[in-house]
Amino acid sequence: MTELIYKICSRILWDDAKTTGVFKGAEIDLSDGYIHFSTADQVETTVALHFSGQTDLLLIAVDAALLGVSLKYEPSRGGDLFPHLYGDLSMNAVQWVCPLPLGNDGRHVFPDLKTGVSK
């Protein structure tokens, strides 16, 4: 079974990555030296803490196994192990991409995290 990890980014940034065929990261990723990802258990909290109220976001699901040794799980928020990619994200590892809209309550509405299909 594929282990999916998740990246949240703006549509504009993702569109640029699709044009070049590789995602080099958002500003925070470039600053930290790795691309930040979240697991299925972490992604909703990550969005609430770091992307609250932001519109035009995408949720990108990535097959962790296709990232090889460049993917490291390292302690972060609360000691949880978060996936960090030390290198560029190839589009070949992307399983699906879907919008992450705001609901009427102002919180982001997530799809099914296995399929990317709206609930």
PDB file of N, CA and C in Angstrom:
ATOM      1  N   MET A   1       0.842  -1.198   0.000  1.00  0.00           N
ATOM      2  CA  MET A   1       0.000   0.000   0.000  1.00  0.00           C
ATOM      3  C   MET A   1       0.879   1.250   0.000  1.00  0.00           C
ATOM      4  N   THR A   2       0.482   2.240  -0.747  1.00  0.00           N
ATOM      5  CA  THR A   2       1.226   3.486  -0.873  1.00  0.00           C
ATOM      6  C   THR A   2       1.054   4.329   0.379  1.00  0.00           C
ATOM      7  N   GLU A   3       2.168   4.816   0.923  1.00  0.00           N
ATOM      8  CA  GLU A   3       2.095   5.778   2.015  1.00  0.00           C
ATOM      9  C   GLU A   3       2.113   7.163   1.403  1.00  0.00           C
ATOM     10  N   LEU A   4       1.041   7.902   1.615  1.00  0.00           N
ATOM     11  CA  LEU A   4       0.956   9.253   1.095  1.00  0.00           C
ATOM     12  C   LEU A   4       1.388  10.249   2.158  1.00  0.00           C
ATOM     13  N   ILE A   5       2.131  11.262   1.716  1.00  0.00           N
ATOM     14  CA  ILE A   5       2.417  12.418   2.541  1.00  0.00           C
ATOM     15  C   ILE A   5       1.889  13.627   1.773  1.00  0.00           C
ATOM     16  N   TYR A   6       1.747  14.750   2.472  1.00  0.00           N
ATOM     17  CA  TYR A   6       1.001  15.863   1.900  1.00  0.00           C
ATOM     18  C   TYR A   6       1.763  17.179   1.988  1.00  0.00           C
ATOM     19  N   LYS A   7       1.644  17.943   0.910  1.00  0.00           N
ATOM     20  CA  LYS A   7       2.200  19.288   0.830  1.00  0.00           C
ATOM     21  C   LYS A   7       1.052  20.246   0.573  1.00  0.00           C
ATOM     22  N   ILE A   8       1.069  21.354   1.258  1.00  0.00           N
ATOM     23  CA  ILE A   8       0.083  22.411   1.037  1.00  0.00           C
ATOM     24  C   ILE A   8       0.820  23.565   0.370  1.00  0.00           C
ATOM     25  N   CYS A   9       0.284  24.061  -0.719  1.00  0.00           N
ATOM     26  CA  CYS A   9       0.913  25.229  -1.345  1.00  0.00           C
ATOM     27  C   CYS A   9      -0.120  26.013  -2.149  1.00  0.00           C
ATOM     28  N   SER A  10       0.284  27.197  -2.526  1.00  0.00           N
ATOM     29  CA  SER A  10      -0.607  28.055  -3.311  1.00  0.00           C
ATOM     30  C   SER A  10      -0.711  27.517  -4.735  1.00  0.00           C
ATOM     31  N   ARG A  11      -1.824  27.790  -5.348  1.00  0.00           N
ATOM     32  CA  ARG A  11      -2.043  27.380  -6.739  1.00  0.00           C
ATOM     33  C   ARG A  11      -0.989  28.015  -7.658  1.00  0.00           C
ATOM     34  N   ILE A  12      -0.649  29.268  -7.425  1.00  0.00           N
ATOM     35  CA  ILE A  12       0.332  29.964  -8.269  1.00  0.00           C
ATOM     36  C   ILE A  12       1.687  29.265  -8.201  1.00  0.00           C
ATOM     37  N   LEU A  13       2.121  28.931  -7.010  1.00  0.00           N
ATOM     38  CA  LEU A  13       3.406  28.252  -6.836  1.00  0.00           C
ATOM     39  C   LEU A  13       3.391  26.882  -7.508  1.00  0.00           C
ATOM     40  N   TRP A  14       2.279  26.162  -7.365  1.00  0.00           N
ATOM     41  CA  TRP A  14       2.176  24.831  -7.979  1.00  0.00           C
ATOM     42  C   TRP A  14       2.134  24.922  -9.510  1.00  0.00           C
ATOM     43  N   ASP A  15       1.434  25.917 -10.028  1.00  0.00           N
ATOM     44  CA  ASP A  15       1.387  26.096 -11.479  1.00  0.00           C
ATOM     45  C   ASP A  15       2.787  26.354 -12.039  1.00  0.00           C
ATOM     46  N   ASP A  16       3.588  27.123 -11.317  1.00  0.00           N
ATOM     47  CA  ASP A  16       4.976  27.359 -11.741  1.00  0.00           C
ATOM     48  C   ASP A  16       5.759  26.047 -11.743  1.00  0.00           C
ATOM     49  N   ALA A  17       5.556  25.222 -10.730  1.00  0.00           N
ATOM     50  CA  ALA A  17       6.260  23.942 -10.640  1.00  0.00           C
ATOM     51  C   ALA A  17       5.861  23.009 -11.782  1.00  0.00           C
ATOM     52  N   LYS A  18       4.590  23.008 -12.126  1.00  0.00           N
ATOM     53  CA  LYS A  18       4.146  22.158 -13.238  1.00  0.00           C
ATOM     54  C   LYS A  18       4.808  22.577 -14.541  1.00  0.00           C
ATOM     55  N   THR A  19       5.021  23.852 -14.715  1.00  0.00           N
ATOM     56  CA  THR A  19       5.658  24.367 -15.928  1.00  0.00           C
ATOM     57  C   THR A  19       7.093  23.858 -16.050  1.00  0.00           C
ATOM     58  N   THR A  20       7.808  23.827 -14.936  1.00  0.00           N
ATOM     59  CA  THR A  20       9.207  23.386 -14.953  1.00  0.00           C
ATOM     60  C   THR A  20       9.354  21.882 -14.770  1.00  0.00           C
ATOM     61  N   GLY A  21       8.300  21.235 -14.252  1.00  0.00           N
ATOM     62  CA  GLY A  21       8.345  19.789 -14.033  1.00  0.00           C
ATOM     63  C   GLY A  21       8.927  19.385 -12.702  1.00  0.00           C
ATOM     64  N   VAL A  22       9.233  20.359 -11.856  1.00  0.00           N
ATOM     65  CA  VAL A  22       9.796  20.060 -10.539  1.00  0.00           C
ATOM     66  C   VAL A  22       9.359  21.141  -9.548  1.00  0.00           C
ATOM     67  N   PHE A  23       9.097  20.711  -8.317  1.00  0.00           N
ATOM     68  CA  PHE A  23       8.727  21.638  -7.243  1.00  0.00           C
ATOM     69  C   PHE A  23       9.931  21.798  -6.328  1.00  0.00           C
ATOM     70  N   LYS A  24      10.431  23.019  -6.236  1.00  0.00           N
ATOM     71  CA  LYS A  24      11.614  23.287  -5.422  1.00  0.00           C
ATOM     72  C   LYS A  24      11.265  23.720  -4.006  1.00  0.00           C
ATOM     73  N   GLY A  25       9.990  24.028  -3.772  1.00  0.00           N
ATOM     74  CA  GLY A  25       9.550  24.403  -2.438  1.00  0.00           C
ATOM     75  C   GLY A  25       9.020  25.820  -2.371  1.00  0.00           C
ATOM     76  N   ALA A  26       8.305  26.060  -1.286  1.00  0.00           N
ATOM     77  CA  ALA A  26       7.799  27.396  -0.982  1.00  0.00           C
ATOM     78  C   ALA A  26       8.913  28.177  -0.284  1.00  0.00           C
ATOM     79  N   GLU A  27       8.661  29.425   0.005  1.00  0.00           N
ATOM     80  CA  GLU A  27       9.671  30.278   0.641  1.00  0.00           C
ATOM     81  C   GLU A  27      10.210  29.653   1.931  1.00  0.00           C
ATOM     82  N   ILE A  28       9.332  29.139   2.781  1.00  0.00           N
ATOM     83  CA  ILE A  28       9.769  28.515   4.041  1.00  0.00           C
ATOM     84  C   ILE A  28      10.635  27.285   3.780  1.00  0.00           C
ATOM     85  N   ASP A  29      10.306  26.509   2.756  1.00  0.00           N
ATOM     86  CA  ASP A  29      11.090  25.325   2.411  1.00  0.00           C
ATOM     87  C   ASP A  29      12.498  25.731   1.973  1.00  0.00           C
ATOM     88  N   LEU A  30      12.565  26.719   1.104  1.00  0.00           N
ATOM     89  CA  LEU A  30      13.859  27.184   0.604  1.00  0.00           C
ATOM     90  C   LEU A  30      14.709  27.729   1.745  1.00  0.00           C
ATOM     91  N   SER A  31      14.066  28.426   2.672  1.00  0.00           N
ATOM     92  CA  SER A  31      14.770  28.985   3.824  1.00  0.00           C
ATOM     93  C   SER A  31      15.295  27.886   4.755  1.00  0.00           C
ATOM     94  N   ASP A  32      14.490  26.850   4.969  1.00  0.00           N
ATOM     95  CA  ASP A  32      14.865  25.768   5.899  1.00  0.00           C
ATOM     96  C   ASP A  32      15.776  24.720   5.267  1.00  0.00           C
ATOM     97  N   GLY A  33      15.842  24.672   3.937  1.00  0.00           N
ATOM     98  CA  GLY A  33      16.723  23.728   3.268  1.00  0.00           C
ATOM     99  C   GLY A  33      16.098  22.381   2.972  1.00  0.00           C
ATOM    100  N   TYR A  34      14.791  22.268   3.144  1.00  0.00           N
ATOM    101  CA  TYR A  34      14.056  21.042   2.819  1.00  0.00           C
ATOM    102  C   TYR A  34      12.597  21.391   2.589  1.00  0.00           C
ATOM    103  N   ILE A  35      11.894  20.504   1.893  1.00  0.00           N
ATOM    104  CA  ILE A  35      10.469  20.702   1.642  1.00  0.00           C
ATOM    105  C   ILE A  35       9.684  20.060   2.774  1.00  0.00           C
ATOM    106  N   HIS A  36       8.849  20.860   3.405  1.00  0.00           N
ATOM    107  CA  HIS A  36       8.007  20.408   4.519  1.00  0.00           C
ATOM    108  C   HIS A  36       6.816  19.611   3.997  1.00  0.00           C
ATOM    109  N   PHE A  37       6.568  18.460   4.590  1.00  0.00           N
ATOM    110  CA  PHE A  37       5.388  17.652   4.318  1.00  0.00           C
ATOM    111  C   PHE A  37       4.723  17.313   5.639  1.00  0.00           C
ATOM    112  N   SER A  38       3.519  16.802   5.558  1.00  0.00           N
ATOM    113  CA  SER A  38       2.796  16.291   6.721  1.00  0.00           C
ATOM    114  C   SER A  38       2.251  14.920   6.387  1.00  0.00           C
ATOM    115  N   THR A  39       2.080  14.102   7.416  1.00  0.00           N
ATOM    116  CA  THR A  39       1.407  12.821   7.249  1.00  0.00           C
ATOM    117  C   THR A  39      -0.099  13.061   7.307  1.00  0.00           C
ATOM    118  N   ALA A  40      -0.868  12.026   7.054  1.00  0.00           N
ATOM    119  CA  ALA A  40      -2.330  12.136   7.114  1.00  0.00           C
ATOM    120  C   ALA A  40      -2.797  12.580   8.497  1.00  0.00           C
ATOM    121  N   ASP A  41      -2.126  12.119   9.550  1.00  0.00           N
ATOM    122  CA  ASP A  41      -2.506  12.490  10.913  1.00  0.00           C
ATOM    123  C   ASP A  41      -2.133  13.928  11.261  1.00  0.00           C
ATOM    124  N   GLN A  42      -1.214  14.512  10.507  1.00  0.00           N
ATOM    125  CA  GLN A  42      -0.699  15.840  10.829  1.00  0.00           C
ATOM    126  C   GLN A  42      -1.252  16.964   9.956  1.00  0.00           C
ATOM    127  N   VAL A  43      -1.741  16.637   8.766  1.00  0.00           N
ATOM    128  CA  VAL A  43      -1.995  17.661   7.758  1.00  0.00           C
ATOM    129  C   VAL A  43      -3.089  18.661   8.147  1.00  0.00           C
ATOM    130  N   GLU A  44      -4.135  18.221   8.795  1.00  0.00           N
ATOM    131  CA  GLU A  44      -5.200  19.165   9.145  1.00  0.00           C
ATOM    132  C   GLU A  44      -4.719  20.177  10.185  1.00  0.00           C
ATOM    133  N   THR A  45      -3.924  19.735  11.139  1.00  0.00           N
ATOM    134  CA  THR A  45      -3.372  20.657  12.136  1.00  0.00           C
ATOM    135  C   THR A  45      -2.371  21.602  11.487  1.00  0.00           C
ATOM    136  N   THR A  46      -1.562  21.090  10.569  1.00  0.00           N
ATOM    137  CA  THR A  46      -0.611  21.941   9.845  1.00  0.00           C
ATOM    138  C   THR A  46      -1.339  23.066   9.121  1.00  0.00           C
ATOM    139  N   VAL A  47      -2.416  22.730   8.443  1.00  0.00           N
ATOM    140  CA  VAL A  47      -3.180  23.747   7.717  1.00  0.00           C
ATOM    141  C   VAL A  47      -3.772  24.766   8.690  1.00  0.00           C
ATOM    142  N   ALA A  48      -4.341  24.287   9.786  1.00  0.00           N
ATOM    143  CA  ALA A  48      -4.956  25.195  10.765  1.00  0.00           C
ATOM    144  C   ALA A  48      -3.921  26.144  11.382  1.00  0.00           C
ATOM    145  N   LEU A  49      -2.722  25.641  11.640  1.00  0.00           N
ATOM    146  CA  LEU A  49      -1.693  26.460  12.280  1.00  0.00           C
ATOM    147  C   LEU A  49      -0.983  27.419  11.323  1.00  0.00           C
ATOM    148  N   HIS A  50      -0.751  26.981  10.097  1.00  0.00           N
ATOM    149  CA  HIS A  50       0.109  27.751   9.199  1.00  0.00           C
ATOM    150  C   HIS A  50      -0.591  28.360   7.980  1.00  0.00           C
ATOM    151  N   PHE A  51      -1.832  27.943   7.708  1.00  0.00           N
ATOM    152  CA  PHE A  51      -2.514  28.415   6.502  1.00  0.00           C
ATOM    153  C   PHE A  51      -3.938  28.904   6.788  1.00  0.00           C
ATOM    154  N   SER A  52      -4.248  29.160   8.029  1.00  0.00           N
ATOM    155  CA  SER A  52      -5.596  29.558   8.435  1.00  0.00           C
ATOM    156  C   SER A  52      -6.101  30.749   7.615  1.00  0.00           C
ATOM    157  N   GLY A  53      -7.291  30.584   7.042  1.00  0.00           N
ATOM    158  CA  GLY A  53      -7.944  31.646   6.296  1.00  0.00           C
ATOM    159  C   GLY A  53      -7.416  31.883   4.889  1.00  0.00           C
ATOM    160  N   GLN A  54      -6.352  31.195   4.499  1.00  0.00           N
ATOM    161  CA  GLN A  54      -5.779  31.413   3.170  1.00  0.00           C
ATOM    162  C   GLN A  54      -6.627  30.737   2.098  1.00  0.00           C
ATOM    163  N   THR A  55      -6.786  31.423   1.004  1.00  0.00           N
ATOM    164  CA  THR A  55      -7.556  30.894  -0.117  1.00  0.00           C
ATOM    165  C   THR A  55      -6.612  30.452  -1.231  1.00  0.00           C
ATOM    166  N   ASP A  56      -7.176  29.760  -2.195  1.00  0.00           N
ATOM    167  CA  ASP A  56      -6.457  29.313  -3.381  1.00  0.00           C
ATOM    168  C   ASP A  56      -5.287  28.381  -3.053  1.00  0.00           C
ATOM    169  N   LEU A  57      -5.514  27.526  -2.050  1.00  0.00           N
ATOM    170  CA  LEU A  57      -4.513  26.523  -1.683  1.00  0.00           C
ATOM    171  C   LEU A  57      -4.805  25.193  -2.365  1.00  0.00           C
ATOM    172  N   LEU A  58      -3.754  24.422  -2.546  1.00  0.00           N
ATOM    173  CA  LEU A  58      -3.871  23.064  -3.066  1.00  0.00           C
ATOM    174  C   LEU A  58      -3.295  22.084  -2.057  1.00  0.00           C
ATOM    175  N   LEU A  59      -3.865  20.901  -2.039  1.00  0.00           N
ATOM    176  CA  LEU A  59      -3.343  19.797  -1.249  1.00  0.00           C
ATOM    177  C   LEU A  59      -2.747  18.810  -2.233  1.00  0.00           C
ATOM    178  N   ILE A  60      -1.453  18.545  -2.071  1.00  0.00           N
ATOM    179  CA  ILE A  60      -0.742  17.659  -2.988  1.00  0.00           C
ATOM    180  C   ILE A  60      -0.384  16.384  -2.249  1.00  0.00           C
ATOM    181  N   ALA A  61      -0.823  15.250  -2.777  1.00  0.00           N
ATOM    182  CA  ALA A  61      -0.517  13.945  -2.182  1.00  0.00           C
ATOM    183  C   ALA A  61       0.660  13.337  -2.928  1.00  0.00           C
ATOM    184  N   VAL A  62       1.641  12.884  -2.172  1.00  0.00           N
ATOM    185  CA  VAL A  62       2.889  12.385  -2.732  1.00  0.00           C
ATOM    186  C   VAL A  62       3.153  10.979  -2.205  1.00  0.00           C
ATOM    187  N   ASP A  63       3.590  10.092  -3.081  1.00  0.00           N
ATOM    188  CA  ASP A  63       3.968   8.734  -2.693  1.00  0.00           C
ATOM    189  C   ASP A  63       5.344   8.797  -2.042  1.00  0.00           C
ATOM    190  N   ALA A  64       5.386   8.614  -0.729  1.00  0.00           N
ATOM    191  CA  ALA A  64       6.631   8.738   0.026  1.00  0.00           C
ATOM    192  C   ALA A  64       7.699   7.760  -0.460  1.00  0.00           C
ATOM    193  N   ALA A  65       7.305   6.578  -0.878  1.00  0.00           N
ATOM    194  CA  ALA A  65       8.267   5.560  -1.308  1.00  0.00           C
ATOM    195  C   ALA A  65       9.047   5.984  -2.547  1.00  0.00           C
ATOM    196  N   LEU A  66       8.480   6.866  -3.344  1.00  0.00           N
ATOM    197  CA  LEU A  66       9.150   7.304  -4.565  1.00  0.00           C
ATOM    198  C   LEU A  66      10.180   8.409  -4.327  1.00  0.00           C
ATOM    199  N   LEU A  67      10.301   8.858  -3.087  1.00  0.00           N
ATOM    200  CA  LEU A  67      11.223   9.949  -2.781  1.00  0.00           C
ATOM    201  C   LEU A  67      12.606   9.450  -2.364  1.00  0.00           C
ATOM    202  N   GLY A  68      12.705   8.176  -2.060  1.00  0.00           N
ATOM    203  CA  GLY A  68      14.002   7.586  -1.746  1.00  0.00           C
ATOM    204  C   GLY A  68      14.636   8.123  -0.480  1.00  0.00           C
ATOM    205  N   VAL A  69      15.962   8.101  -0.463  1.00  0.00           N
ATOM    206  CA  VAL A  69      16.713   8.453   0.739  1.00  0.00           C
ATOM    207  C   VAL A  69      16.715   9.946   1.037  1.00  0.00           C
ATOM    208  N   SER A  70      16.209  10.756   0.110  1.00  0.00           N
ATOM    209  CA  SER A  70      16.135  12.204   0.341  1.00  0.00           C
ATOM    210  C   SER A  70      15.026  12.567   1.320  1.00  0.00           C
ATOM    211  N   LEU A  71      14.125  11.616   1.597  1.00  0.00           N
ATOM    212  CA  LEU A  71      13.032  11.847   2.539  1.00  0.00           C
ATOM    213  C   LEU A  71      13.465  11.388   3.924  1.00  0.00           C
ATOM    214  N   LYS A  72      13.390  12.307   4.876  1.00  0.00           N
ATOM    215  CA  LYS A  72      13.752  12.017   6.263  1.00  0.00           C
ATOM    216  C   LYS A  72      12.574  12.374   7.163  1.00  0.00           C
ATOM    217  N   TYR A  73      12.333  11.544   8.166  1.00  0.00           N
ATOM    218  CA  TYR A  73      11.316  11.853   9.171  1.00  0.00           C
ATOM    219  C   TYR A  73      12.044  12.410  10.382  1.00  0.00           C
ATOM    220  N   GLU A  74      11.734  13.678  10.703  1.00  0.00           N
ATOM    221  CA  GLU A  74      12.466  14.366  11.759  1.00  0.00           C
ATOM    222  C   GLU A  74      11.507  14.999  12.760  1.00  0.00           C
ATOM    223  N   PRO A  75      11.947  15.101  14.028  1.00  0.00           N
ATOM    224  CA  PRO A  75      11.083  15.686  15.060  1.00  0.00           C
ATOM    225  C   PRO A  75      10.786  17.147  14.772  1.00  0.00           C
ATOM    226  N   SER A  76       9.547  17.522  15.015  1.00  0.00           N
ATOM    227  CA  SER A  76       9.119  18.898  14.857  1.00  0.00           C
ATOM    228  C   SER A  76       8.059  19.171  15.910  1.00  0.00           C
ATOM    229  N   ARG A  77       6.952  19.757  15.516  1.00  0.00           N
ATOM    230  CA  ARG A  77       5.894  20.168  16.423  1.00  0.00           C
ATOM    231  C   ARG A  77       5.541  19.069  17.431  1.00  0.00           C
ATOM    232  N   GLY A  78       5.726  19.361  18.702  1.00  0.00           N
ATOM    233  CA  GLY A  78       5.352  18.424  19.755  1.00  0.00           C
ATOM    234  C   GLY A  78       6.154  17.128  19.749  1.00  0.00           C
ATOM    235  N   GLY A  79       7.290  17.115  19.071  1.00  0.00           N
ATOM    236  CA  GLY A  79       8.098  15.907  18.998  1.00  0.00           C
ATOM    237  C   GLY A  79       7.652  14.918  17.933  1.00  0.00           C
ATOM    238  N   ASP A  80       6.550  15.218  17.230  1.00  0.00           N
ATOM    239  CA  ASP A  80       6.100  14.355  16.134  1.00  0.00           C
ATOM    240  C   ASP A  80       7.165  14.293  15.052  1.00  0.00           C
ATOM    241  N   LEU A  81       7.243  13.152  14.387  1.00  0.00           N
ATOM    242  CA  LEU A  81       8.151  13.008  13.262  1.00  0.00           C
ATOM    243  C   LEU A  81       7.443  13.467  11.989  1.00  0.00           C
ATOM    244  N   PHE A  82       8.007  14.490  11.360  1.00  0.00           N
ATOM    245  CA  PHE A  82       7.443  15.042  10.134  1.00  0.00           C
ATOM    246  C   PHE A  82       8.329  14.679   8.956  1.00  0.00           C
ATOM    247  N   PRO A  83       7.721  14.401   7.787  1.00  0.00           N
ATOM    248  CA  PRO A  83       8.510  14.121   6.590  1.00  0.00           C
ATOM    249  C   PRO A  83       9.100  15.396   6.002  1.00  0.00           C
ATOM    250  N   HIS A  84      10.402  15.356   5.769  1.00  0.00           N
ATOM    251  CA  HIS A  84      11.122  16.466   5.158  1.00  0.00           C
ATOM    252  C   HIS A  84      11.890  15.936   3.957  1.00  0.00           C
ATOM    253  N   LEU A  85      11.732  16.589   2.825  1.00  0.00           N
ATOM    254  CA  LEU A  85      12.419  16.173   1.606  1.00  0.00           C
ATOM    255  C   LEU A  85      13.614  17.081   1.347  1.00  0.00           C
ATOM    256  N   TYR A  86      14.793  16.481   1.389  1.00  0.00           N
ATOM    257  CA  TYR A  86      16.030  17.208   1.122  1.00  0.00           C
ATOM    258  C   TYR A  86      16.347  17.087  -0.365  1.00  0.00           C
ATOM    259  N   GLY A  87      15.686  17.897  -1.136  1.00  0.00           N
ATOM    260  CA  GLY A  87      15.839  17.893  -2.585  1.00  0.00           C
ATOM    261  C   GLY A  87      14.555  18.378  -3.212  1.00  0.00           C
ATOM    262  N   ASP A  88      14.523  18.357  -4.522  1.00  0.00           N
ATOM    263  CA  ASP A  88      13.351  18.797  -5.265  1.00  0.00           C
ATOM    264  C   ASP A  88      12.311  17.684  -5.336  1.00  0.00           C
ATOM    265  N   LEU A  89      11.060  18.081  -5.461  1.00  0.00           N
ATOM    266  CA  LEU A  89       9.963  17.129  -5.627  1.00  0.00           C
ATOM    267  C   LEU A  89       9.694  16.925  -7.113  1.00  0.00           C
ATOM    268  N   SER A  90       9.916  15.706  -7.570  1.00  0.00           N
ATOM    269  CA  SER A  90       9.614  15.359  -8.954  1.00  0.00           C
ATOM    270  C   SER A  90       8.111  15.151  -9.107  1.00  0.00           C
ATOM    271  N   MET A  91       7.579  15.576 -10.209  1.00  0.00           N
ATOM    272  CA  MET A  91       6.154  15.397 -10.474  1.00  0.00           C
ATOM    273  C   MET A  91       5.779  13.915 -10.569  1.00  0.00           C
ATOM    274  N   ASN A  92       6.736  13.056 -10.818  1.00  0.00           N
ATOM    275  CA  ASN A  92       6.477  11.610 -10.912  1.00  0.00           C
ATOM    276  C   ASN A  92       5.985  11.020  -9.596  1.00  0.00           C
ATOM    277  N   ALA A  93       6.328  11.650  -8.474  1.00  0.00           N
ATOM    278  CA  ALA A  93       5.925  11.138  -7.166  1.00  0.00           C
ATOM    279  C   ALA A  93       4.541  11.624  -6.740  1.00  0.00           C
ATOM    280  N   VAL A  94       3.987  12.591  -7.464  1.00  0.00           N
ATOM    281  CA  VAL A  94       2.690  13.174  -7.115  1.00  0.00           C
ATOM    282  C   VAL A  94       1.576  12.216  -7.529  1.00  0.00           C
ATOM    283  N   GLN A  95       0.717  11.883  -6.578  1.00  0.00           N
ATOM    284  CA  GLN A  95      -0.394  10.971  -6.829  1.00  0.00           C
ATOM    285  C   GLN A  95      -1.671  11.701  -7.227  1.00  0.00           C
ATOM    286  N   TRP A  96      -1.936  12.809  -6.555  1.00  0.00           N
ATOM    287  CA  TRP A  96      -3.077  13.639  -6.913  1.00  0.00           C
ATOM    288  C   TRP A  96      -2.913  15.031  -6.301  1.00  0.00           C
ATOM    289  N   VAL A  97      -3.658  15.972  -6.885  1.00  0.00           N
ATOM    290  CA  VAL A  97      -3.682  17.359  -6.421  1.00  0.00           C
ATOM    291  C   VAL A  97      -5.135  17.786  -6.390  1.00  0.00           C
ATOM    292  N   CYS A  98      -5.544  18.428  -5.305  1.00  0.00           N
ATOM    293  CA  CYS A  98      -6.927  18.918  -5.264  1.00  0.00           C
ATOM    294  C   CYS A  98      -6.983  20.250  -4.521  1.00  0.00           C
ATOM    295  N   PRO A  99      -8.004  21.042  -4.821  1.00  0.00           N
ATOM    296  CA  PRO A  99      -8.178  22.315  -4.123  1.00  0.00           C
ATOM    297  C   PRO A  99      -8.460  22.077  -2.642  1.00  0.00           C
ATOM    298  N   LEU A 100      -8.091  23.058  -1.838  1.00  0.00           N
ATOM    299  CA  LEU A 100      -8.345  23.018  -0.401  1.00  0.00           C
ATOM    300  C   LEU A 100      -9.141  24.279  -0.046  1.00  0.00           C
ATOM    301  N   PRO A 101     -10.445  24.252  -0.368  1.00  0.00           N
ATOM    302  CA  PRO A 101     -11.264  25.459  -0.195  1.00  0.00           C
ATOM    303  C   PRO A 101     -11.603  25.725   1.271  1.00  0.00           C
ATOM    304  N   LEU A 102     -12.015  26.954   1.512  1.00  0.00           N
ATOM    305  CA  LEU A 102     -12.521  27.318   2.834  1.00  0.00           C
ATOM    306  C   LEU A 102     -14.009  26.988   2.894  1.00  0.00           C
ATOM    307  N   GLY A 103     -14.424  26.410   4.008  1.00  0.00           N
ATOM    308  CA  GLY A 103     -15.836  26.143   4.230  1.00  0.00           C
ATOM    309  C   GLY A 103     -16.528  27.373   4.793  1.00  0.00           C
ATOM    310  N   ASN A 104     -17.815  27.268   4.985  1.00  0.00           N
ATOM    311  CA  ASN A 104     -18.593  28.381   5.537  1.00  0.00           C
ATOM    312  C   ASN A 104     -18.128  28.800   6.920  1.00  0.00           C
ATOM    313  N   ASP A 105     -17.515  27.867   7.659  1.00  0.00           N
ATOM    314  CA  ASP A 105     -17.020  28.157   8.999  1.00  0.00           C
ATOM    315  C   ASP A 105     -15.612  28.764   8.990  1.00  0.00           C
ATOM    316  N   GLY A 106     -15.034  28.974   7.793  1.00  0.00           N
ATOM    317  CA  GLY A 106     -13.713  29.564   7.680  1.00  0.00           C
ATOM    318  C   GLY A 106     -12.565  28.572   7.791  1.00  0.00           C
ATOM    319  N   ARG A 107     -12.907  27.306   7.989  1.00  0.00           N
ATOM    320  CA  ARG A 107     -11.873  26.259   8.061  1.00  0.00           C
ATOM    321  C   ARG A 107     -11.773  25.572   6.707  1.00  0.00           C
ATOM    322  N   HIS A 108     -10.596  25.055   6.394  1.00  0.00           N
ATOM    323  CA  HIS A 108     -10.401  24.371   5.123  1.00  0.00           C
ATOM    324  C   HIS A 108     -11.148  23.043   5.087  1.00  0.00           C
ATOM    325  N   VAL A 109     -11.675  22.740   3.913  1.00  0.00           N
ATOM    326  CA  VAL A 109     -12.442  21.510   3.701  1.00  0.00           C
ATOM    327  C   VAL A 109     -11.531  20.506   3.001  1.00  0.00           C
ATOM    328  N   PHE A 110     -11.278  19.393   3.671  1.00  0.00           N
ATOM    329  CA  PHE A 110     -10.372  18.374   3.149  1.00  0.00           C
ATOM    330  C   PHE A 110     -11.113  17.307   2.364  1.00  0.00           C
ATOM    331  N   PRO A 111     -10.463  16.796   1.331  1.00  0.00           N
ATOM    332  CA  PRO A 111     -11.003  15.638   0.606  1.00  0.00           C
ATOM    333  C   PRO A 111     -10.671  14.362   1.379  1.00  0.00           C
ATOM    334  N   ASP A 112     -11.095  13.239   0.869  1.00  0.00           N
ATOM    335  CA  ASP A 112     -10.625  11.957   1.375  1.00  0.00           C
ATOM    336  C   ASP A 112      -9.117  11.919   1.142  1.00  0.00           C
ATOM    337  N   LEU A 113      -8.336  11.693   2.176  1.00  0.00           N
ATOM    338  CA  LEU A 113      -6.884  11.776   2.050  1.00  0.00           C
ATOM    339  C   LEU A 113      -6.262  10.613   1.296  1.00  0.00           C
ATOM    340  N   LYS A 114      -7.006   9.565   1.067  1.00  0.00           N
ATOM    341  CA  LYS A 114      -6.466   8.445   0.288  1.00  0.00           C
ATOM    342  C   LYS A 114      -6.673   8.653  -1.219  1.00  0.00           C
ATOM    343  N   THR A 115      -7.789   9.287  -1.559  1.00  0.00           N
ATOM    344  CA  THR A 115      -8.148   9.382  -2.978  1.00  0.00           C
ATOM    345  C   THR A 115      -8.151  10.802  -3.545  1.00  0.00           C
ATOM    346  N   GLY A 116      -8.250  11.802  -2.681  1.00  0.00           N
ATOM    347  CA  GLY A 116      -8.357  13.177  -3.150  1.00  0.00           C
ATOM    348  C   GLY A 116      -9.745  13.566  -3.584  1.00  0.00           C
ATOM    349  N   VAL A 117     -10.709  12.662  -3.391  1.00  0.00           N
ATOM    350  CA  VAL A 117     -12.099  12.926  -3.783  1.00  0.00           C
ATOM    351  C   VAL A 117     -12.812  13.678  -2.660  1.00  0.00           C
ATOM    352  N   SER A 118     -13.576  14.700  -3.038  1.00  0.00           N
ATOM    353  CA  SER A 118     -14.320  15.475  -2.048  1.00  0.00           C
ATOM    354  C   SER A 118     -15.267  14.585  -1.276  1.00  0.00           C
ATOM    355  N   LYS A 119     -15.380  14.878   0.004  1.00  0.00           N
ATOM    356  CA  LYS A 119     -16.267  14.094   0.878  1.00  0.00           C
ATOM    357  C   LYS A 119     -17.700  14.543   0.729  1.00  0.00           C
TER     358      LYS A 119
END
